[in-house]
Amino acid sequence: MGQRIVDGIPVVSVSGRIDGVTSMDLEVVLDGLIDKKMEMIIVDFSEVEYISSAGLRVLIAALKKLRAMEGDLVLISLRPFVREVFEMTGFTKLFVICSDVGEAMERFRS
């Protein structure tokens, strides 16, 4: 899992599987950014092959915390299988999903 800052907004890159074991790592990273008062966070899913319900719970918890701060969590570059999971669970209605960092940055600016 990697992090970088683009125009002041953290971009968290995740790879492989987000499941019961690895979701805890994602939770630590997201909570750390939220604790630092980062109100906008982008999560890059371009290298994610699978997400379980545990991973979805971590994202929902982070989204709730950010929205309470009047912030947001944007997901980018979802692979087809991962996008399908978000569609089947109805989470595409909860999350802002963009194709790439550029589109996400435009979303934050508007």
Protein backbone atom coordinates (compact mmCIF):
# COMPACT_ATOMS: atom_id res chain seq x y z
CA MET A 1 0.00 0.00 0.00
CA GLY A 2 1.42 3.33 -1.01
CA GLN A 3 0.56 6.97 -0.47
CA ARG A 4 1.28 10.15 -2.34
CA ILE A 5 -0.04 13.70 -2.22
CA VAL A 6 -1.53 15.29 -5.35
CA ASP A 7 -2.40 18.99 -5.02
CA GLY A 8 -2.69 18.59 -1.25
CA ILE A 9 -4.97 15.53 -1.43
CA PRO A 10 -3.71 12.12 -0.30
CA VAL A 11 -3.94 9.30 -2.84
CA VAL A 12 -3.79 5.84 -1.27
CA SER A 13 -2.81 3.09 -3.72
CA VAL A 14 -4.00 -0.39 -2.81
CA SER A 15 -3.05 -3.64 -4.54
CA GLY A 16 -4.01 -7.29 -4.52
CA ARG A 17 -6.84 -8.32 -2.24
CA ILE A 18 -8.72 -6.25 0.32
CA ASP A 19 -10.04 -8.94 2.63
CA GLY A 20 -10.35 -9.77 6.33
CA VAL A 21 -6.58 -9.68 6.79
CA THR A 22 -5.49 -6.80 4.56
CA SER A 23 -8.45 -4.53 5.25
CA MET A 24 -6.95 -3.75 8.65
CA ASP A 25 -3.92 -2.19 6.92
CA LEU A 26 -6.21 -0.01 4.82
CA GLU A 27 -8.16 0.99 7.92
CA VAL A 28 -4.96 2.09 9.70
CA VAL A 29 -3.88 4.20 6.72
CA LEU A 30 -7.30 5.85 6.24
CA ASP A 31 -7.79 6.50 9.95
CA GLY A 32 -4.30 8.00 10.13
CA LEU A 33 -5.14 10.44 7.33
CA ILE A 34 -8.48 11.29 8.93
CA ASP A 35 -6.75 11.87 12.28
CA LYS A 36 -4.47 14.35 10.46
CA LYS A 37 -7.64 16.22 9.40
CA MET A 38 -7.33 15.24 5.74
CA GLU A 39 -10.90 15.86 4.63
CA MET A 40 -10.52 14.58 1.08
CA ILE A 41 -8.97 11.20 0.30
CA ILE A 42 -8.62 9.32 -2.98
CA VAL A 43 -8.23 5.54 -2.98
CA ASP A 44 -6.66 4.09 -6.13
CA PHE A 45 -8.05 0.63 -6.93
CA SER A 46 -6.14 0.11 -10.21
CA GLU A 47 -4.20 -2.83 -8.73
CA VAL A 48 -7.02 -4.34 -6.61
CA GLU A 49 -8.20 -7.75 -7.75
CA TYR A 50 -10.72 -8.52 -5.00
CA ILE A 51 -12.60 -6.81 -2.17
CA SER A 52 -14.51 -8.60 0.58
CA SER A 53 -17.24 -7.37 2.91
CA ALA A 54 -14.51 -6.54 5.45
CA GLY A 55 -12.91 -4.20 2.92
CA LEU A 56 -16.25 -2.62 2.12
CA ARG A 57 -16.86 -2.01 5.85
CA VAL A 58 -13.51 -0.19 6.16
CA LEU A 59 -14.42 2.08 3.24
CA ILE A 60 -17.91 2.80 4.62
CA ALA A 61 -16.48 3.65 8.06
CA ALA A 62 -13.95 6.04 6.51
CA LEU A 63 -16.65 7.60 4.31
CA LYS A 64 -18.86 8.27 7.35
CA LYS A 65 -16.00 9.88 9.27
CA LEU A 66 -15.03 12.06 6.31
CA ARG A 67 -18.57 13.17 5.56
CA ALA A 68 -19.00 14.11 9.24
CA MET A 69 -16.04 16.45 8.64
CA GLU A 70 -17.73 17.68 5.43
CA GLY A 71 -15.12 15.77 3.44
CA ASP A 72 -15.30 12.86 1.03
CA LEU A 73 -13.68 9.64 -0.09
CA VAL A 74 -13.29 9.14 -3.83
CA LEU A 75 -12.51 5.77 -5.39
CA ILE A 76 -10.65 5.62 -8.69
CA SER A 77 -9.72 3.05 -11.33
CA LEU A 78 -11.97 0.20 -10.23
CA ARG A 79 -11.33 -3.01 -12.16
CA PRO A 80 -14.42 -4.72 -13.62
CA PHE A 81 -14.81 -7.37 -10.89
CA VAL A 82 -14.37 -4.84 -8.09
CA ARG A 83 -16.79 -2.42 -9.79
CA GLU A 84 -19.30 -5.28 -10.04
CA VAL A 85 -19.08 -5.83 -6.27
CA PHE A 86 -19.79 -2.14 -5.68
CA GLU A 87 -22.72 -2.26 -8.11
CA MET A 88 -24.21 -5.43 -6.60
CA THR A 89 -24.04 -4.00 -3.07
CA GLY A 90 -25.47 -0.64 -4.11
CA PHE A 91 -22.29 1.13 -3.01
CA THR A 92 -21.99 2.93 -6.35
CA LYS A 93 -24.75 5.15 -4.97
CA LEU A 94 -22.76 5.92 -1.81
CA PHE A 95 -19.28 6.54 -3.19
CA VAL A 96 -17.97 8.94 -5.77
CA ILE A 97 -16.22 6.71 -8.31
CA CYS A 98 -13.93 8.25 -10.92
CA SER A 99 -11.80 6.84 -13.71
CA ASP A 100 -8.51 8.42 -12.59
CA VAL A 101 -6.80 10.98 -10.33
CA GLY A 102 -7.47 13.81 -12.79
CA GLU A 103 -11.21 13.22 -12.76
CA ALA A 104 -11.19 12.91 -8.97
CA MET A 105 -9.32 16.20 -8.62
CA GLU A 106 -11.87 17.92 -10.87
CA ARG A 107 -14.61 16.51 -8.64
CA PHE A 108 -13.00 18.00 -5.54
CA ARG A 109 -12.58 21.40 -7.20
CA SER A 110 -16.26 21.65 -8.15
